[in-house]
């Protein structure tokens, strides 16, 4: 049986490499391999602009209280 990976898009704000910007970056989670960020990302000035770049059909998970402060929300 082949295990499938899960894509999670995480939107952050004010990263050190993109100060003052919103960044959506895709992360891959796979049960059999290492998980982590991909090179897939979008950068925008405003939250609604970066949200508009995300693939259609995703679900907004919001943010978890344990998330790093720069994380705005995550999408699956």
PDB file of N, CA and C in Angstrom:
ATOM      1  N   UNK A   1       0.847  -1.186   0.000  1.00  0.00           N
ATOM      2  CA  UNK A   1       0.000   0.000   0.000  1.00  0.00           C
ATOM      3  C   UNK A   1       0.891   1.247   0.000  1.00  0.00           C
ATOM      4  N   UNK A   2       0.631   2.153  -0.894  1.00  0.00           N
ATOM      5  CA  UNK A   2       1.436   3.353  -0.998  1.00  0.00           C
ATOM      6  C   UNK A   2       0.882   4.433  -0.073  1.00  0.00           C
ATOM      7  N   UNK A   3       1.762   5.015   0.707  1.00  0.00           N
ATOM      8  CA  UNK A   3       1.361   6.099   1.605  1.00  0.00           C
ATOM      9  C   UNK A   3       1.358   7.419   0.835  1.00  0.00           C
ATOM     10  N   UNK A   4       0.362   8.237   1.061  1.00  0.00           N
ATOM     11  CA  UNK A   4       0.271   9.526   0.391  1.00  0.00           C
ATOM     12  C   UNK A   4       0.822  10.625   1.287  1.00  0.00           C
ATOM     13  N   UNK A   5       1.324  11.675   0.662  1.00  0.00           N
ATOM     14  CA  UNK A   5       1.812  12.814   1.422  1.00  0.00           C
ATOM     15  C   UNK A   5       0.695  13.849   1.566  1.00  0.00           C
ATOM     16  N   UNK A   6       0.864  14.728   2.515  1.00  0.00           N
ATOM     17  CA  UNK A   6      -0.091  15.796   2.793  1.00  0.00           C
ATOM     18  C   UNK A   6       0.610  17.126   2.569  1.00  0.00           C
ATOM     19  N   UNK A   7      -0.014  18.000   1.793  1.00  0.00           N
ATOM     20  CA  UNK A   7       0.507  19.355   1.609  1.00  0.00           C
ATOM     21  C   UNK A   7      -0.175  20.287   2.584  1.00  0.00           C
ATOM     22  N   UNK A   8       0.602  21.077   3.269  1.00  0.00           N
ATOM     23  CA  UNK A   8       0.089  22.113   4.168  1.00  0.00           C
ATOM     24  C   UNK A   8       0.715  23.439   3.751  1.00  0.00           C
ATOM     25  N   UNK A   9      -0.117  24.412   3.466  1.00  0.00           N
ATOM     26  CA  UNK A   9       0.359  25.753   3.142  1.00  0.00           C
ATOM     27  C   UNK A   9       0.300  26.585   4.423  1.00  0.00           C
ATOM     28  N   UNK A  10       1.418  27.155   4.801  1.00  0.00           N
ATOM     29  CA  UNK A  10       1.485  27.988   5.995  1.00  0.00           C
ATOM     30  C   UNK A  10       1.749  29.428   5.577  1.00  0.00           C
ATOM     31  N   UNK A  11       0.910  30.339   6.063  1.00  0.00           N
ATOM     32  CA  UNK A  11       1.098  31.757   5.785  1.00  0.00           C
ATOM     33  C   UNK A  11       1.753  32.395   6.998  1.00  0.00           C
ATOM     34  N   UNK A  12       2.846  33.098   6.732  1.00  0.00           N
ATOM     35  CA  UNK A  12       3.577  33.809   7.785  1.00  0.00           C
ATOM     36  C   UNK A  12       3.603  35.293   7.466  1.00  0.00           C
ATOM     37  N   UNK A  13       3.936  36.081   8.455  1.00  0.00           N
ATOM     38  CA  UNK A  13       4.049  37.541   8.274  1.00  0.00           C
ATOM     39  C   UNK A  13       5.323  38.019   8.906  1.00  0.00           C
ATOM     40  N   UNK A  14       6.033  38.844   8.180  1.00  0.00           N
ATOM     41  CA  UNK A  14       7.219  39.539   8.687  1.00  0.00           C
ATOM     42  C   UNK A  14       8.379  38.586   8.995  1.00  0.00           C
ATOM     43  N   UNK A  15       8.617  37.636   8.096  1.00  0.00           N
ATOM     44  CA  UNK A  15       9.791  36.754   8.224  1.00  0.00           C
ATOM     45  C   UNK A  15      11.048  37.595   8.055  1.00  0.00           C
ATOM     46  N   UNK A  16      12.149  37.133   8.607  1.00  0.00           N
ATOM     47  CA  UNK A  16      13.395  37.882   8.472  1.00  0.00           C
ATOM     48  C   UNK A  16      13.849  37.978   7.012  1.00  0.00           C
ATOM     49  N   UNK A  17      13.534  36.959   6.194  1.00  0.00           N
ATOM     50  CA  UNK A  17      13.926  37.006   4.786  1.00  0.00           C
ATOM     51  C   UNK A  17      12.932  37.759   3.902  1.00  0.00           C
ATOM     52  N   UNK A  18      11.740  38.066   4.431  1.00  0.00           N
ATOM     53  CA  UNK A  18      10.739  38.853   3.723  1.00  0.00           C
ATOM     54  C   UNK A  18      10.091  39.839   4.708  1.00  0.00           C
ATOM     55  N   UNK A  19      10.843  40.815   5.207  1.00  0.00           N
ATOM     56  CA  UNK A  19      10.293  41.737   6.213  1.00  0.00           C
ATOM     57  C   UNK A  19       9.073  42.509   5.697  1.00  0.00           C
ATOM     58  N   UNK A  20       8.044  42.564   6.532  1.00  0.00           N
ATOM     59  CA  UNK A  20       6.834  43.294   6.197  1.00  0.00           C
ATOM     60  C   UNK A  20       5.924  42.624   5.188  1.00  0.00           C
ATOM     61  N   UNK A  21       6.271  41.436   4.733  1.00  0.00           N
ATOM     62  CA  UNK A  21       5.489  40.736   3.709  1.00  0.00           C
ATOM     63  C   UNK A  21       4.764  39.527   4.289  1.00  0.00           C
ATOM     64  N   UNK A  22       3.750  39.076   3.570  1.00  0.00           N
ATOM     65  CA  UNK A  22       3.086  37.806   3.861  1.00  0.00           C
ATOM     66  C   UNK A  22       3.673  36.760   2.917  1.00  0.00           C
ATOM     67  N   UNK A  23       3.972  35.584   3.442  1.00  0.00           N
ATOM     68  CA  UNK A  23       4.543  34.501   2.645  1.00  0.00           C
ATOM     69  C   UNK A  23       3.711  33.247   2.874  1.00  0.00           C
ATOM     70  N   UNK A  24       3.283  32.622   1.772  1.00  0.00           N
ATOM     71  CA  UNK A  24       2.625  31.320   1.840  1.00  0.00           C
ATOM     72  C   UNK A  24       3.639  30.295   1.327  1.00  0.00           C
ATOM     73  N   UNK A  25       3.978  29.312   2.150  1.00  0.00           N
ATOM     74  CA  UNK A  25       4.946  28.286   1.755  1.00  0.00           C
ATOM     75  C   UNK A  25       4.322  26.914   1.958  1.00  0.00           C
ATOM     76  N   UNK A  26       4.520  26.060   0.954  1.00  0.00           N
ATOM     77  CA  UNK A  26       3.986  24.699   1.029  1.00  0.00           C
ATOM     78  C   UNK A  26       4.962  23.802   1.777  1.00  0.00           C
ATOM     79  N   UNK A  27       4.413  23.038   2.707  1.00  0.00           N
ATOM     80  CA  UNK A  27       5.168  22.030   3.446  1.00  0.00           C
ATOM     81  C   UNK A  27       4.579  20.667   3.103  1.00  0.00           C
ATOM     82  N   UNK A  28       5.426  19.664   3.062  1.00  0.00           N
ATOM     83  CA  UNK A  28       4.987  18.297   2.781  1.00  0.00           C
ATOM     84  C   UNK A  28       5.156  17.463   4.046  1.00  0.00           C
ATOM     85  N   UNK A  29       4.125  16.698   4.371  1.00  0.00           N
ATOM     86  CA  UNK A  29       4.189  15.749   5.474  1.00  0.00           C
ATOM     87  C   UNK A  29       3.949  14.372   4.867  1.00  0.00           C
ATOM     88  N   UNK A  30       4.886  13.461   5.092  1.00  0.00           N
ATOM     89  CA  UNK A  30       4.779  12.110   4.544  1.00  0.00           C
ATOM     90  C   UNK A  30       5.103  11.129   5.664  1.00  0.00           C
ATOM     91  N   UNK A  31       4.283  10.118   5.868  1.00  0.00           N
ATOM     92  CA  UNK A  31       4.495   9.201   6.991  1.00  0.00           C
ATOM     93  C   UNK A  31       5.772   8.364   6.896  1.00  0.00           C
ATOM     94  N   UNK A  32       6.348   8.215   5.703  1.00  0.00           N
ATOM     95  CA  UNK A  32       7.517   7.354   5.554  1.00  0.00           C
ATOM     96  C   UNK A  32       8.820   8.109   5.293  1.00  0.00           C
ATOM     97  N   UNK A  33       8.736   9.402   5.029  1.00  0.00           N
ATOM     98  CA  UNK A  33       9.934  10.180   4.736  1.00  0.00           C
ATOM     99  C   UNK A  33       9.961  11.435   5.589  1.00  0.00           C
ATOM    100  N   UNK A  34      11.048  12.135   5.499  1.00  0.00           N
ATOM    101  CA  UNK A  34      11.165  13.391   6.252  1.00  0.00           C
ATOM    102  C   UNK A  34      10.159  14.411   5.725  1.00  0.00           C
ATOM    103  N   UNK A  35       9.625  15.187   6.613  1.00  0.00           N
ATOM    104  CA  UNK A  35       8.674  16.233   6.253  1.00  0.00           C
ATOM    105  C   UNK A  35       9.383  17.582   6.320  1.00  0.00           C
ATOM    106  N   UNK A  36       8.840  18.543   5.609  1.00  0.00           N
ATOM    107  CA  UNK A  36       9.424  19.864   5.697  1.00  0.00           C
ATOM    108  C   UNK A  36       8.960  20.796   4.602  1.00  0.00           C
ATOM    109  N   UNK A  37       9.535  21.995   4.595  1.00  0.00           N
ATOM    110  CA  UNK A  37       9.124  23.004   3.619  1.00  0.00           C
ATOM    111  C   UNK A  37       9.616  22.653   2.222  1.00  0.00           C
ATOM    112  N   UNK A  38       8.894  23.153   1.235  1.00  0.00           N
ATOM    113  CA  UNK A  38       9.288  23.003  -0.163  1.00  0.00           C
ATOM    114  C   UNK A  38       9.758  24.363  -0.679  1.00  0.00           C
ATOM    115  N   UNK A  39      10.156  24.391  -1.921  1.00  0.00           N
ATOM    116  CA  UNK A  39      10.529  25.662  -2.551  1.00  0.00           C
ATOM    117  C   UNK A  39       9.293  26.430  -3.035  1.00  0.00           C
ATOM    118  N   UNK A  40       8.116  25.792  -2.999  1.00  0.00           N
ATOM    119  CA  UNK A  40       6.879  26.428  -3.461  1.00  0.00           C
ATOM    120  C   UNK A  40       6.455  27.510  -2.477  1.00  0.00           C
ATOM    121  N   UNK A  41       6.404  28.745  -2.935  1.00  0.00           N
ATOM    122  CA  UNK A  41       5.963  29.833  -2.065  1.00  0.00           C
ATOM    123  C   UNK A  41       5.470  31.024  -2.879  1.00  0.00           C
ATOM    124  N   UNK A  42       4.681  31.861  -2.225  1.00  0.00           N
ATOM    125  CA  UNK A  42       4.159  33.099  -2.789  1.00  0.00           C
ATOM    126  C   UNK A  42       4.430  34.207  -1.782  1.00  0.00           C
ATOM    127  N   UNK A  43       4.703  35.405  -2.263  1.00  0.00           N
ATOM    128  CA  UNK A  43       4.978  36.559  -1.405  1.00  0.00           C
ATOM    129  C   UNK A  43       4.050  37.692  -1.830  1.00  0.00           C
ATOM    130  N   UNK A  44       3.457  38.379  -0.853  1.00  0.00           N
ATOM    131  CA  UNK A  44       2.580  39.509  -1.146  1.00  0.00           C
ATOM    132  C   UNK A  44       2.623  40.507   0.011  1.00  0.00           C
ATOM    133  N   UNK A  45       2.165  41.713  -0.279  1.00  0.00           N
ATOM    134  CA  UNK A  45       2.120  42.745   0.757  1.00  0.00           C
ATOM    135  C   UNK A  45       0.990  42.512   1.753  1.00  0.00           C
ATOM    136  N   UNK A  46      -0.137  42.000   1.263  1.00  0.00           N
ATOM    137  CA  UNK A  46      -1.325  41.860   2.112  1.00  0.00           C
ATOM    138  C   UNK A  46      -1.765  40.400   2.196  1.00  0.00           C
ATOM    139  N   UNK A  47      -2.419  40.079   3.310  1.00  0.00           N
ATOM    140  CA  UNK A  47      -2.890  38.718   3.555  1.00  0.00           C
ATOM    141  C   UNK A  47      -3.833  38.238   2.459  1.00  0.00           C
ATOM    142  N   UNK A  48      -4.805  39.058   2.065  1.00  0.00           N
ATOM    143  CA  UNK A  48      -5.750  38.617   1.042  1.00  0.00           C
ATOM    144  C   UNK A  48      -5.068  38.386  -0.303  1.00  0.00           C
ATOM    145  N   UNK A  49      -3.989  39.101  -0.575  1.00  0.00           N
ATOM    146  CA  UNK A  49      -3.248  38.898  -1.827  1.00  0.00           C
ATOM    147  C   UNK A  49      -2.548  37.542  -1.846  1.00  0.00           C
ATOM    148  N   UNK A  50      -1.935  37.166  -0.732  1.00  0.00           N
ATOM    149  CA  UNK A  50      -1.239  35.879  -0.697  1.00  0.00           C
ATOM    150  C   UNK A  50      -2.241  34.724  -0.638  1.00  0.00           C
ATOM    151  N   UNK A  51      -3.368  34.932   0.029  1.00  0.00           N
ATOM    152  CA  UNK A  51      -4.425  33.906   0.030  1.00  0.00           C
ATOM    153  C   UNK A  51      -4.916  33.630  -1.390  1.00  0.00           C
ATOM    154  N   UNK A  52      -5.017  34.664  -2.208  1.00  0.00           N
ATOM    155  CA  UNK A  52      -5.507  34.515  -3.583  1.00  0.00           C
ATOM    156  C   UNK A  52      -4.559  33.670  -4.436  1.00  0.00           C
ATOM    157  N   UNK A  53      -3.331  33.507  -4.017  1.00  0.00           N
ATOM    158  CA  UNK A  53      -2.343  32.701  -4.751  1.00  0.00           C
ATOM    159  C   UNK A  53      -2.435  31.217  -4.427  1.00  0.00           C
ATOM    160  N   UNK A  54      -3.096  30.871  -3.336  1.00  0.00           N
ATOM    161  CA  UNK A  54      -3.169  29.470  -2.923  1.00  0.00           C
ATOM    162  C   UNK A  54      -4.013  28.652  -3.896  1.00  0.00           C
ATOM    163  N   UNK A  55      -3.704  27.359  -4.021  1.00  0.00           N
ATOM    164  CA  UNK A  55      -4.519  26.514  -4.898  1.00  0.00           C
ATOM    165  C   UNK A  55      -5.984  26.490  -4.434  1.00  0.00           C
ATOM    166  N   UNK A  56      -6.920  26.394  -5.362  1.00  0.00           N
ATOM    167  CA  UNK A  56      -8.340  26.359  -4.990  1.00  0.00           C
ATOM    168  C   UNK A  56      -8.688  25.081  -4.224  1.00  0.00           C
ATOM    169  N   UNK A  57      -9.721  25.202  -3.386  1.00  0.00           N
ATOM    170  CA  UNK A  57     -10.251  24.038  -2.683  1.00  0.00           C
ATOM    171  C   UNK A  57      -9.614  23.748  -1.336  1.00  0.00           C
ATOM    172  N   UNK A  58      -8.670  24.575  -0.898  1.00  0.00           N
ATOM    173  CA  UNK A  58      -8.032  24.338   0.399  1.00  0.00           C
ATOM    174  C   UNK A  58      -8.945  24.771   1.542  1.00  0.00           C
ATOM    175  N   UNK A  59      -8.686  24.236   2.719  1.00  0.00           N
ATOM    176  CA  UNK A  59      -9.452  24.563   3.930  1.00  0.00           C
ATOM    177  C   UNK A  59      -8.549  25.311   4.894  1.00  0.00           C
ATOM    178  N   UNK A  60      -9.026  26.446   5.390  1.00  0.00           N
ATOM    179  CA  UNK A  60      -8.269  27.261   6.336  1.00  0.00           C
ATOM    180  C   UNK A  60      -8.394  26.656   7.736  1.00  0.00           C
ATOM    181  N   UNK A  61      -7.255  26.250   8.297  1.00  0.00           N
ATOM    182  CA  UNK A  61      -7.227  25.700   9.655  1.00  0.00           C
ATOM    183  C   UNK A  61      -7.053  26.774  10.715  1.00  0.00           C
ATOM    184  N   UNK A  62      -6.843  28.015  10.307  1.00  0.00           N
ATOM    185  CA  UNK A  62      -6.587  29.085  11.258  1.00  0.00           C
ATOM    186  C   UNK A  62      -5.194  28.960  11.832  1.00  0.00           C
ATOM    187  N   UNK A  63      -5.061  29.318  13.089  1.00  0.00           N
ATOM    188  CA  UNK A  63      -3.759  29.217  13.735  1.00  0.00           C
ATOM    189  C   UNK A  63      -3.936  28.534  15.067  1.00  0.00           C
ATOM    190  N   UNK A  64      -2.914  27.820  15.465  1.00  0.00           N
ATOM    191  CA  UNK A  64      -2.894  27.112  16.740  1.00  0.00           C
ATOM    192  C   UNK A  64      -2.177  28.000  17.747  1.00  0.00           C
ATOM    193  N   UNK A  65      -2.629  28.006  18.982  1.00  0.00           N
ATOM    194  CA  UNK A  65      -2.002  28.824  20.016  1.00  0.00           C
ATOM    195  C   UNK A  65      -0.537  28.505  20.240  1.00  0.00           C
ATOM    196  N   UNK A  66      -0.118  27.301  19.863  1.00  0.00           N
ATOM    197  CA  UNK A  66       1.276  26.899  20.035  1.00  0.00           C
ATOM    198  C   UNK A  66       2.146  27.280  18.830  1.00  0.00           C
ATOM    199  N   UNK A  67       1.543  27.847  17.777  1.00  0.00           N
ATOM    200  CA  UNK A  67       2.301  28.233  16.592  1.00  0.00           C
ATOM    201  C   UNK A  67       3.298  29.343  16.911  1.00  0.00           C
ATOM    202  N   UNK A  68       4.365  29.381  16.130  1.00  0.00           N
ATOM    203  CA  UNK A  68       5.342  30.470  16.226  1.00  0.00           C
ATOM    204  C   UNK A  68       4.603  31.780  15.945  1.00  0.00           C
ATOM    205  N   UNK A  69       4.985  32.872  16.593  1.00  0.00           N
ATOM    206  CA  UNK A  69       4.251  34.144  16.430  1.00  0.00           C
ATOM    207  C   UNK A  69       4.141  34.655  14.994  1.00  0.00           C
ATOM    208  N   UNK A  70       5.061  34.297  14.096  1.00  0.00           N
ATOM    209  CA  UNK A  70       4.962  34.809  12.723  1.00  0.00           C
ATOM    210  C   UNK A  70       3.934  34.050  11.886  1.00  0.00           C
ATOM    211  N   UNK A  71       3.447  32.904  12.373  1.00  0.00           N
ATOM    212  CA  UNK A  71       2.453  32.133  11.620  1.00  0.00           C
ATOM    213  C   UNK A  71       1.089  32.781  11.756  1.00  0.00           C
ATOM    214  N   UNK A  72       0.496  33.087  10.611  1.00  0.00           N
ATOM    215  CA  UNK A  72      -0.834  33.703  10.562  1.00  0.00           C
ATOM    216  C   UNK A  72      -1.912  32.630  10.517  1.00  0.00           C
ATOM    217  N   UNK A  73      -1.726  31.640   9.633  1.00  0.00           N
ATOM    218  CA  UNK A  73      -2.703  30.562   9.479  1.00  0.00           C
ATOM    219  C   UNK A  73      -2.112  29.464   8.613  1.00  0.00           C
ATOM    220  N   UNK A  74      -2.771  28.307   8.614  1.00  0.00           N
ATOM    221  CA  UNK A  74      -2.361  27.172   7.790  1.00  0.00           C
ATOM    222  C   UNK A  74      -3.559  26.653   7.019  1.00  0.00           C
ATOM    223  N   UNK A  75      -3.275  26.102   5.830  1.00  0.00           N
ATOM    224  CA  UNK A  75      -4.311  25.608   4.921  1.00  0.00           C
ATOM    225  C   UNK A  75      -3.980  24.196   4.464  1.00  0.00           C
ATOM    226  N   UNK A  76      -4.999  23.325   4.412  1.00  0.00           N
ATOM    227  CA  UNK A  76      -4.812  21.992   3.834  1.00  0.00           C
ATOM    228  C   UNK A  76      -5.837  21.776   2.733  1.00  0.00           C
TER     229      UNK A  76
END
